Amino acid sequence: MPSYLVETYVPRGRAHELVTVGDAIRAAIAELEGEGVVVTYVRTTLLPDDETCFHVLEAASPGAVERVCRRAGLDRARVVSAVEGRPEGARPPSQT
């Protein structure tokens, strides 16, 4: 399934809300799944110094990801195609 990167603005003072945003994305995905739209939440990365947050989702189309964003209340989210991969020889992330 194709991957999509969702870019959102997160002010420094609201970085603590990241868990709530993740919960909203998961809830939106569950609602859409009931309508036959399949989206997988892969991960979220916050760059607090840049006030930018990236959510990686997998879906059949960018439209499905945009629907998740609307339902999750992610205003002005930018959705772009992404290629996931790890350079040869790179270690996987730690499981701590």
PDB file of N, CA and C in Angstrom:
ATOM      1  N   MET A   1       0.854  -1.176   0.000  1.00  0.00           N
ATOM      2  CA  MET A   1       0.000   0.000   0.000  1.00  0.00           C
ATOM      3  C   MET A   1       0.898   1.237   0.000  1.00  0.00           C
ATOM      4  N   PRO A   2       0.571   2.261  -0.760  1.00  0.00           N
ATOM      5  CA  PRO A   2       1.381   3.480  -0.797  1.00  0.00           C
ATOM      6  C   PRO A   2       1.422   4.190   0.555  1.00  0.00           C
ATOM      7  N   SER A   3       2.534   4.884   0.776  1.00  0.00           N
ATOM      8  CA  SER A   3       2.712   5.676   1.999  1.00  0.00           C
ATOM      9  C   SER A   3       2.509   7.153   1.695  1.00  0.00           C
ATOM     10  N   TYR A   4       1.987   7.870   2.708  1.00  0.00           N
ATOM     11  CA  TYR A   4       1.772   9.312   2.586  1.00  0.00           C
ATOM     12  C   TYR A   4       2.276   9.986   3.850  1.00  0.00           C
ATOM     13  N   LEU A   5       2.888  11.132   3.651  1.00  0.00           N
ATOM     14  CA  LEU A   5       3.377  11.941   4.752  1.00  0.00           C
ATOM     15  C   LEU A   5       2.404  13.094   4.952  1.00  0.00           C
ATOM     16  N   VAL A   6       1.933  13.233   6.189  1.00  0.00           N
ATOM     17  CA  VAL A   6       1.032  14.326   6.538  1.00  0.00           C
ATOM     18  C   VAL A   6       1.831  15.312   7.375  1.00  0.00           C
ATOM     19  N   GLU A   7       1.969  16.522   6.884  1.00  0.00           N
ATOM     20  CA  GLU A   7       2.742  17.554   7.575  1.00  0.00           C
ATOM     21  C   GLU A   7       1.784  18.543   8.233  1.00  0.00           C
ATOM     22  N   THR A   8       2.001  18.780   9.527  1.00  0.00           N
ATOM     23  CA  THR A   8       1.169  19.727  10.265  1.00  0.00           C
ATOM     24  C   THR A   8       2.049  20.651  11.099  1.00  0.00           C
ATOM     25  N   TYR A   9       1.505  21.791  11.433  1.00  0.00           N
ATOM     26  CA  TYR A   9       2.168  22.780  12.289  1.00  0.00           C
ATOM     27  C   TYR A   9       1.757  22.512  13.729  1.00  0.00           C
ATOM     28  N   VAL A  10       2.735  22.431  14.620  1.00  0.00           N
ATOM     29  CA  VAL A  10       2.466  22.228  16.050  1.00  0.00           C
ATOM     30  C   VAL A  10       3.290  23.243  16.842  1.00  0.00           C
ATOM     31  N   PRO A  11       2.657  24.275  17.376  1.00  0.00           N
ATOM     32  CA  PRO A  11       3.401  25.259  18.168  1.00  0.00           C
ATOM     33  C   PRO A  11       4.092  24.595  19.362  1.00  0.00           C
ATOM     34  N   ARG A  12       5.230  25.119  19.740  1.00  0.00           N
ATOM     35  CA  ARG A  12       5.998  24.546  20.853  1.00  0.00           C
ATOM     36  C   ARG A  12       5.146  24.331  22.102  1.00  0.00           C
ATOM     37  N   GLY A  13       4.291  25.259  22.400  1.00  0.00           N
ATOM     38  CA  GLY A  13       3.462  25.169  23.592  1.00  0.00           C
ATOM     39  C   GLY A  13       2.398  24.090  23.534  1.00  0.00           C
ATOM     40  N   ARG A  14       2.233  23.458  22.366  1.00  0.00           N
ATOM     41  CA  ARG A  14       1.205  22.420  22.222  1.00  0.00           C
ATOM     42  C   ARG A  14       1.811  21.051  21.929  1.00  0.00           C
ATOM     43  N   ALA A  15       3.120  20.935  22.006  1.00  0.00           N
ATOM     44  CA  ALA A  15       3.774  19.655  21.706  1.00  0.00           C
ATOM     45  C   ALA A  15       3.267  18.533  22.602  1.00  0.00           C
ATOM     46  N   HIS A  16       2.854  18.872  23.813  1.00  0.00           N
ATOM     47  CA  HIS A  16       2.346  17.866  24.746  1.00  0.00           C
ATOM     48  C   HIS A  16       1.040  17.232  24.260  1.00  0.00           C
ATOM     49  N   GLU A  17       0.394  17.822  23.269  1.00  0.00           N
ATOM     50  CA  GLU A  17      -0.869  17.312  22.739  1.00  0.00           C
ATOM     51  C   GLU A  17      -0.671  16.212  21.690  1.00  0.00           C
ATOM     52  N   LEU A  18       0.571  15.824  21.453  1.00  0.00           N
ATOM     53  CA  LEU A  18       0.866  14.857  20.403  1.00  0.00           C
ATOM     54  C   LEU A  18       0.125  13.536  20.605  1.00  0.00           C
ATOM     55  N   VAL A  19       0.015  13.064  21.838  1.00  0.00           N
ATOM     56  CA  VAL A  19      -0.703  11.818  22.102  1.00  0.00           C
ATOM     57  C   VAL A  19      -2.178  11.974  21.729  1.00  0.00           C
ATOM     58  N   THR A  20      -2.754  13.115  22.053  1.00  0.00           N
ATOM     59  CA  THR A  20      -4.156  13.374  21.724  1.00  0.00           C
ATOM     60  C   THR A  20      -4.367  13.378  20.214  1.00  0.00           C
ATOM     61  N   VAL A  21      -3.431  13.956  19.486  1.00  0.00           N
ATOM     62  CA  VAL A  21      -3.532  13.987  18.021  1.00  0.00           C
ATOM     63  C   VAL A  21      -3.455  12.563  17.470  1.00  0.00           C
ATOM     64  N   GLY A  22      -2.541  11.767  17.996  1.00  0.00           N
ATOM     65  CA  GLY A  22      -2.441  10.372  17.564  1.00  0.00           C
ATOM     66  C   GLY A  22      -3.727   9.610  17.817  1.00  0.00           C
ATOM     67  N   ASP A  23      -4.328   9.853  18.974  1.00  0.00           N
ATOM     68  CA  ASP A  23      -5.609   9.208  19.298  1.00  0.00           C
ATOM     69  C   ASP A  23      -6.703   9.640  18.318  1.00  0.00           C
ATOM     70  N   ALA A  24      -6.700  10.919  17.947  1.00  0.00           N
ATOM     71  CA  ALA A  24      -7.695  11.428  16.997  1.00  0.00           C
ATOM     72  C   ALA A  24      -7.508  10.792  15.618  1.00  0.00           C
ATOM     73  N   ILE A  25      -6.268  10.604  15.214  1.00  0.00           N
ATOM     74  CA  ILE A  25      -5.995   9.953  13.926  1.00  0.00           C
ATOM     75  C   ILE A  25      -6.487   8.506  13.966  1.00  0.00           C
ATOM     76  N   ARG A  26      -6.173   7.797  15.048  1.00  0.00           N
ATOM     77  CA  ARG A  26      -6.617   6.403  15.173  1.00  0.00           C
ATOM     78  C   ARG A  26      -8.153   6.304  15.172  1.00  0.00           C
ATOM     79  N   ALA A  27      -8.810   7.213  15.860  1.00  0.00           N
ATOM     80  CA  ALA A  27     -10.278   7.207  15.898  1.00  0.00           C
ATOM     81  C   ALA A  27     -10.854   7.471  14.504  1.00  0.00           C
ATOM     82  N   ALA A  28     -10.272   8.408  13.781  1.00  0.00           N
ATOM     83  CA  ALA A  28     -10.736   8.716  12.429  1.00  0.00           C
ATOM     84  C   ALA A  28     -10.543   7.513  11.512  1.00  0.00           C
ATOM     85  N   ILE A  29      -9.407   6.834  11.662  1.00  0.00           N
ATOM     86  CA  ILE A  29      -9.150   5.637  10.855  1.00  0.00           C
ATOM     87  C   ILE A  29     -10.194   4.566  11.164  1.00  0.00           C
ATOM     88  N   ALA A  30     -10.510   4.375  12.438  1.00  0.00           N
ATOM     89  CA  ALA A  30     -11.511   3.367  12.829  1.00  0.00           C
ATOM     90  C   ALA A  30     -12.880   3.704  12.246  1.00  0.00           C
ATOM     91  N   GLU A  31     -13.263   4.970  12.269  1.00  0.00           N
ATOM     92  CA  GLU A  31     -14.546   5.385  11.696  1.00  0.00           C
ATOM     93  C   GLU A  31     -14.592   5.101  10.201  1.00  0.00           C
ATOM     94  N   LEU A  32     -13.524   5.467   9.504  1.00  0.00           N
ATOM     95  CA  LEU A  32     -13.491   5.268   8.060  1.00  0.00           C
ATOM     96  C   LEU A  32     -13.428   3.793   7.693  1.00  0.00           C
ATOM     97  N   GLU A  33     -12.783   3.009   8.546  1.00  0.00           N
ATOM     98  CA  GLU A  33     -12.724   1.571   8.296  1.00  0.00           C
ATOM     99  C   GLU A  33     -14.142   0.995   8.251  1.00  0.00           C
ATOM    100  N   GLY A  34     -15.016   1.520   9.111  1.00  0.00           N
ATOM    101  CA  GLY A  34     -16.415   1.102   9.101  1.00  0.00           C
ATOM    102  C   GLY A  34     -17.128   1.451   7.808  1.00  0.00           C
ATOM    103  N   GLU A  35     -16.557   2.376   7.054  1.00  0.00           N
ATOM    104  CA  GLU A  35     -17.117   2.775   5.757  1.00  0.00           C
ATOM    105  C   GLU A  35     -16.371   2.113   4.600  1.00  0.00           C
ATOM    106  N   GLY A  36     -15.482   1.182   4.928  1.00  0.00           N
ATOM    107  CA  GLY A  36     -14.744   0.465   3.895  1.00  0.00           C
ATOM    108  C   GLY A  36     -13.465   1.126   3.426  1.00  0.00           C
ATOM    109  N   VAL A  37     -13.028   2.181   4.104  1.00  0.00           N
ATOM    110  CA  VAL A  37     -11.790   2.878   3.735  1.00  0.00           C
ATOM    111  C   VAL A  37     -10.675   2.355   4.642  1.00  0.00           C
ATOM    112  N   VAL A  38      -9.628   1.792   4.040  1.00  0.00           N
ATOM    113  CA  VAL A  38      -8.540   1.202   4.805  1.00  0.00           C
ATOM    114  C   VAL A  38      -7.337   2.149   4.824  1.00  0.00           C
ATOM    115  N   VAL A  39      -6.945   2.549   6.029  1.00  0.00           N
ATOM    116  CA  VAL A  39      -5.780   3.407   6.230  1.00  0.00           C
ATOM    117  C   VAL A  39      -5.020   2.843   7.425  1.00  0.00           C
ATOM    118  N   THR A  40      -3.701   2.821   7.328  1.00  0.00           N
ATOM    119  CA  THR A  40      -2.859   2.340   8.418  1.00  0.00           C
ATOM    120  C   THR A  40      -2.002   3.482   8.946  1.00  0.00           C
ATOM    121  N   TYR A  41      -2.000   3.643  10.269  1.00  0.00           N
ATOM    122  CA  TYR A  41      -1.178   4.668  10.931  1.00  0.00           C
ATOM    123  C   TYR A  41       0.174   4.034  11.215  1.00  0.00           C
ATOM    124  N   VAL A  42       1.241   4.574  10.617  1.00  0.00           N
ATOM    125  CA  VAL A  42       2.576   3.993  10.744  1.00  0.00           C
ATOM    126  C   VAL A  42       3.365   4.626  11.887  1.00  0.00           C
ATOM    127  N   ARG A  43       3.469   5.957  11.872  1.00  0.00           N
ATOM    128  CA  ARG A  43       4.251   6.634  12.916  1.00  0.00           C
ATOM    129  C   ARG A  43       4.049   8.135  12.851  1.00  0.00           C
ATOM    130  N   THR A  44       4.486   8.784  13.930  1.00  0.00           N
ATOM    131  CA  THR A  44       4.486  10.244  14.010  1.00  0.00           C
ATOM    132  C   THR A  44       5.863  10.691  14.456  1.00  0.00           C
ATOM    133  N   THR A  45       6.351  11.754  13.840  1.00  0.00           N
ATOM    134  CA  THR A  45       7.627  12.353  14.226  1.00  0.00           C
ATOM    135  C   THR A  45       7.401  13.840  14.433  1.00  0.00           C
ATOM    136  N   LEU A  46       7.772  14.336  15.594  1.00  0.00           N
ATOM    137  CA  LEU A  46       7.646  15.757  15.913  1.00  0.00           C
ATOM    138  C   LEU A  46       9.018  16.394  15.890  1.00  0.00           C
ATOM    139  N   LEU A  47       9.130  17.534  15.221  1.00  0.00           N
ATOM    140  CA  LEU A  47      10.347  18.352  15.231  1.00  0.00           C
ATOM    141  C   LEU A  47      10.012  19.603  16.032  1.00  0.00           C
ATOM    142  N   PRO A  48      10.162  19.552  17.364  1.00  0.00           N
ATOM    143  CA  PRO A  48       9.696  20.656  18.204  1.00  0.00           C
ATOM    144  C   PRO A  48      10.374  21.986  17.897  1.00  0.00           C
ATOM    145  N   ASP A  49      11.652  21.974  17.548  1.00  0.00           N
ATOM    146  CA  ASP A  49      12.334  23.230  17.242  1.00  0.00           C
ATOM    147  C   ASP A  49      11.820  23.874  15.959  1.00  0.00           C
ATOM    148  N   ASP A  50      11.294  23.047  15.046  1.00  0.00           N
ATOM    149  CA  ASP A  50      10.735  23.553  13.793  1.00  0.00           C
ATOM    150  C   ASP A  50       9.223  23.726  13.864  1.00  0.00           C
ATOM    151  N   GLU A  51       8.627  23.290  14.990  1.00  0.00           N
ATOM    152  CA  GLU A  51       7.179  23.337  15.179  1.00  0.00           C
ATOM    153  C   GLU A  51       6.445  22.618  14.048  1.00  0.00           C
ATOM    154  N   THR A  52       7.005  21.488  13.641  1.00  0.00           N
ATOM    155  CA  THR A  52       6.462  20.703  12.550  1.00  0.00           C
ATOM    156  C   THR A  52       6.279  19.262  13.002  1.00  0.00           C
ATOM    157  N   CYS A  53       5.181  18.658  12.570  1.00  0.00           N
ATOM    158  CA  CYS A  53       4.895  17.271  12.914  1.00  0.00           C
ATOM    159  C   CYS A  53       4.604  16.512  11.625  1.00  0.00           C
ATOM    160  N   PHE A  54       5.147  15.310  11.534  1.00  0.00           N
ATOM    161  CA  PHE A  54       4.936  14.458  10.377  1.00  0.00           C
ATOM    162  C   PHE A  54       4.261  13.164  10.823  1.00  0.00           C
ATOM    163  N   HIS A  55       3.182  12.821  10.158  1.00  0.00           N
ATOM    164  CA  HIS A  55       2.489  11.569  10.405  1.00  0.00           C
ATOM    165  C   HIS A  55       2.625  10.743   9.133  1.00  0.00           C
ATOM    166  N   VAL A  56       3.028   9.489   9.259  1.00  0.00           N
ATOM    167  CA  VAL A  56       3.127   8.604   8.104  1.00  0.00           C
ATOM    168  C   VAL A  56       1.937   7.652   8.144  1.00  0.00           C
ATOM    169  N   LEU A  57       1.176   7.651   7.061  1.00  0.00           N
ATOM    170  CA  LEU A  57       0.013   6.779   6.926  1.00  0.00           C
ATOM    171  C   LEU A  57       0.132   5.995   5.630  1.00  0.00           C
ATOM    172  N   GLU A  58      -0.436   4.806   5.618  1.00  0.00           N
ATOM    173  CA  GLU A  58      -0.508   4.011   4.398  1.00  0.00           C
ATOM    174  C   GLU A  58      -1.962   3.924   3.981  1.00  0.00           C
ATOM    175  N   ALA A  59      -2.213   4.125   2.689  1.00  0.00           N
ATOM    176  CA  ALA A  59      -3.578   4.097   2.176  1.00  0.00           C
ATOM    177  C   ALA A  59      -3.537   3.873   0.669  1.00  0.00           C
ATOM    178  N   ALA A  60      -4.675   3.510   0.117  1.00  0.00           N
ATOM    179  CA  ALA A  60      -4.757   3.287  -1.325  1.00  0.00           C
ATOM    180  C   ALA A  60      -4.669   4.587  -2.118  1.00  0.00           C
ATOM    181  N   SER A  61      -5.025   5.710  -1.468  1.00  0.00           N
ATOM    182  CA  SER A  61      -5.022   6.979  -2.197  1.00  0.00           C
ATOM    183  C   SER A  61      -4.791   8.143  -1.239  1.00  0.00           C
ATOM    184  N   PRO A  62      -4.320   9.278  -1.770  1.00  0.00           N
ATOM    185  CA  PRO A  62      -4.169  10.451  -0.909  1.00  0.00           C
ATOM    186  C   PRO A  62      -5.527  10.950  -0.412  1.00  0.00           C
ATOM    187  N   GLY A  63      -6.582  10.709  -1.183  1.00  0.00           N
ATOM    188  CA  GLY A  63      -7.914  11.126  -0.761  1.00  0.00           C
ATOM    189  C   GLY A  63      -8.339  10.454   0.537  1.00  0.00           C
ATOM    190  N   ALA A  64      -7.980   9.194   0.711  1.00  0.00           N
ATOM    191  CA  ALA A  64      -8.307   8.487   1.952  1.00  0.00           C
ATOM    192  C   ALA A  64      -7.576   9.120   3.130  1.00  0.00           C
ATOM    193  N   VAL A  65      -6.332   9.499   2.927  1.00  0.00           N
ATOM    194  CA  VAL A  65      -5.551  10.154   3.992  1.00  0.00           C
ATOM    195  C   VAL A  65      -6.142  11.523   4.310  1.00  0.00           C
ATOM    196  N   GLU A  66      -6.544  12.246   3.289  1.00  0.00           N
ATOM    197  CA  GLU A  66      -7.167  13.556   3.503  1.00  0.00           C
ATOM    198  C   GLU A  66      -8.459  13.427   4.305  1.00  0.00           C
ATOM    199  N   ARG A  67      -9.213  12.368   4.059  1.00  0.00           N
ATOM    200  CA  ARG A  67     -10.439  12.132   4.833  1.00  0.00           C
ATOM    201  C   ARG A  67     -10.104  11.891   6.303  1.00  0.00           C
ATOM    202  N   VAL A  68      -9.045  11.119   6.558  1.00  0.00           N
ATOM    203  CA  VAL A  68      -8.605  10.890   7.942  1.00  0.00           C
ATOM    204  C   VAL A  68      -8.246  12.220   8.586  1.00  0.00           C
ATOM    205  N   CYS A  69      -7.505  13.044   7.879  1.00  0.00           N
ATOM    206  CA  CYS A  69      -7.074  14.336   8.423  1.00  0.00           C
ATOM    207  C   CYS A  69      -8.266  15.214   8.788  1.00  0.00           C
ATOM    208  N   ARG A  70      -9.245  15.274   7.902  1.00  0.00           N
ATOM    209  CA  ARG A  70     -10.440  16.086   8.183  1.00  0.00           C
ATOM    210  C   ARG A  70     -11.164  15.582   9.427  1.00  0.00           C
ATOM    211  N   ARG A  71     -11.360  14.272   9.510  1.00  0.00           N
ATOM    212  CA  ARG A  71     -12.070  13.707  10.666  1.00  0.00           C
ATOM    213  C   ARG A  71     -11.287  13.864  11.955  1.00  0.00           C
ATOM    214  N   ALA A  72      -9.964  13.848  11.855  1.00  0.00           N
ATOM    215  CA  ALA A  72      -9.122  13.982  13.049  1.00  0.00           C
ATOM    216  C   ALA A  72      -8.932  15.439  13.454  1.00  0.00           C
ATOM    217  N   GLY A  73      -9.439  16.369  12.635  1.00  0.00           N
ATOM    218  CA  GLY A  73      -9.314  17.785  12.965  1.00  0.00           C
ATOM    219  C   GLY A  73      -7.941  18.367  12.679  1.00  0.00           C
ATOM    220  N   LEU A  74      -7.214  17.759  11.756  1.00  0.00           N
ATOM    221  CA  LEU A  74      -5.890  18.278  11.386  1.00  0.00           C
ATOM    222  C   LEU A  74      -6.075  19.341  10.311  1.00  0.00           C
ATOM    223  N   ASP A  75      -6.284  20.556  10.766  1.00  0.00           N
ATOM    224  CA  ASP A  75      -6.502  21.664   9.853  1.00  0.00           C
ATOM    225  C   ASP A  75      -5.236  21.985   9.071  1.00  0.00           C
ATOM    226  N   ARG A  76      -5.426  22.310   7.832  1.00  0.00           N
ATOM    227  CA  ARG A  76      -4.330  22.718   6.944  1.00  0.00           C
ATOM    228  C   ARG A  76      -3.203  21.698   6.865  1.00  0.00           C
ATOM    229  N   ALA A  77      -3.535  20.428   6.935  1.00  0.00           N
ATOM    230  CA  ALA A  77      -2.520  19.383   6.805  1.00  0.00           C
ATOM    231  C   ALA A  77      -2.105  19.267   5.341  1.00  0.00           C
ATOM    232  N   ARG A  78      -0.828  19.069   5.144  1.00  0.00           N
ATOM    233  CA  ARG A  78      -0.293  18.866   3.799  1.00  0.00           C
ATOM    234  C   ARG A  78      -0.066  17.370   3.625  1.00  0.00           C
ATOM    235  N   VAL A  79      -0.631  16.788   2.586  1.00  0.00           N
ATOM    236  CA  VAL A  79      -0.506  15.352   2.332  1.00  0.00           C
ATOM    237  C   VAL A  79       0.303  15.162   1.058  1.00  0.00           C
ATOM    238  N   VAL A  80       1.401  14.401   1.159  1.00  0.00           N
ATOM    239  CA  VAL A  80       2.246  14.130  -0.004  1.00  0.00           C
ATOM    240  C   VAL A  80       2.631  12.654  -0.025  1.00  0.00           C
ATOM    241  N   SER A  81       2.874  12.136  -1.224  1.00  0.00           N
ATOM    242  CA  SER A  81       3.347  10.754  -1.362  1.00  0.00           C
ATOM    243  C   SER A  81       4.715  10.622  -0.721  1.00  0.00           C
ATOM    244  N   ALA A  82       4.972   9.462  -0.138  1.00  0.00           N
ATOM    245  CA  ALA A  82       6.254   9.228   0.527  1.00  0.00           C
ATOM    246  C   ALA A  82       6.773   7.849   0.154  1.00  0.00           C
ATOM    247  N   VAL A  83       8.085   7.708   0.157  1.00  0.00           N
ATOM    248  CA  VAL A  83       8.715   6.421  -0.077  1.00  0.00           C
ATOM    249  C   VAL A  83       9.412   6.030   1.211  1.00  0.00           C
ATOM    250  N   GLU A  84       8.987   4.923   1.776  1.00  0.00           N
ATOM    251  CA  GLU A  84       9.573   4.444   3.021  1.00  0.00           C
ATOM    252  C   GLU A  84      10.717   3.494   2.695  1.00  0.00           C
ATOM    253  N   GLY A  85      11.763   3.564   3.458  1.00  0.00           N
ATOM    254  CA  GLY A  85      12.876   2.653   3.262  1.00  0.00           C
ATOM    255  C   GLY A  85      13.993   2.961   4.227  1.00  0.00           C
ATOM    256  N   ARG A  86      14.921   2.069   4.266  1.00  0.00           N
ATOM    257  CA  ARG A  86      16.080   2.230   5.136  1.00  0.00           C
ATOM    258  C   ARG A  86      17.316   1.972   4.283  1.00  0.00           C
ATOM    259  N   PRO A  87      18.294   2.858   4.347  1.00  0.00           N
ATOM    260  CA  PRO A  87      19.511   2.642   3.560  1.00  0.00           C
ATOM    261  C   PRO A  87      20.140   1.294   3.904  1.00  0.00           C
ATOM    262  N   GLU A  88      20.724   0.668   2.908  1.00  0.00           N
ATOM    263  CA  GLU A  88      21.375  -0.616   3.121  1.00  0.00           C
ATOM    264  C   GLU A  88      22.417  -0.496   4.235  1.00  0.00           C
ATOM    265  N   GLY A  89      22.381  -1.419   5.151  1.00  0.00           N
ATOM    266  CA  GLY A  89      23.340  -1.424   6.249  1.00  0.00           C
ATOM    267  C   GLY A  89      22.899  -0.629   7.464  1.00  0.00           C
ATOM    268  N   ALA A  90      21.819   0.133   7.336  1.00  0.00           N
ATOM    269  CA  ALA A  90      21.345   0.926   8.471  1.00  0.00           C
ATOM    270  C   ALA A  90      20.693   0.000   9.491  1.00  0.00           C
ATOM    271  N   ARG A  91      20.876   0.327  10.752  1.00  0.00           N
ATOM    272  CA  ARG A  91      20.276  -0.464  11.816  1.00  0.00           C
ATOM    273  C   ARG A  91      18.816  -0.049  12.001  1.00  0.00           C
ATOM    274  N   PRO A  92      17.956  -1.023  12.360  1.00  0.00           N
ATOM    275  CA  PRO A  92      16.562  -0.658  12.648  1.00  0.00           C
ATOM    276  C   PRO A  92      16.507   0.177  13.922  1.00  0.00           C
ATOM    277  N   PRO A  93      15.433   0.947  14.103  1.00  0.00           N
ATOM    278  CA  PRO A  93      15.306   1.753  15.328  1.00  0.00           C
ATOM    279  C   PRO A  93      15.281   0.856  16.565  1.00  0.00           C
ATOM    280  N   SER A  94      15.776   1.363  17.681  1.00  0.00           N
ATOM    281  CA  SER A  94      15.778   0.578  18.910  1.00  0.00           C
ATOM    282  C   SER A  94      14.351   0.357  19.376  1.00  0.00           C
ATOM    283  N   GLN A  95      14.127  -0.698  20.061  1.00  0.00           N
ATOM    284  CA  GLN A  95      12.797  -1.066  20.540  1.00  0.00           C
ATOM    285  C   GLN A  95      12.605  -0.703  21.993  1.00  0.00           C
ATOM    286  N   THR A  96      13.160   0.418  22.436  1.00  0.00           N
ATOM    287  CA  THR A  96      13.017   0.803  23.856  1.00  0.00           C
ATOM    288  C   THR A  96      11.761   1.538  24.105  1.00  0.00           C
TER     289      THR A  96
END
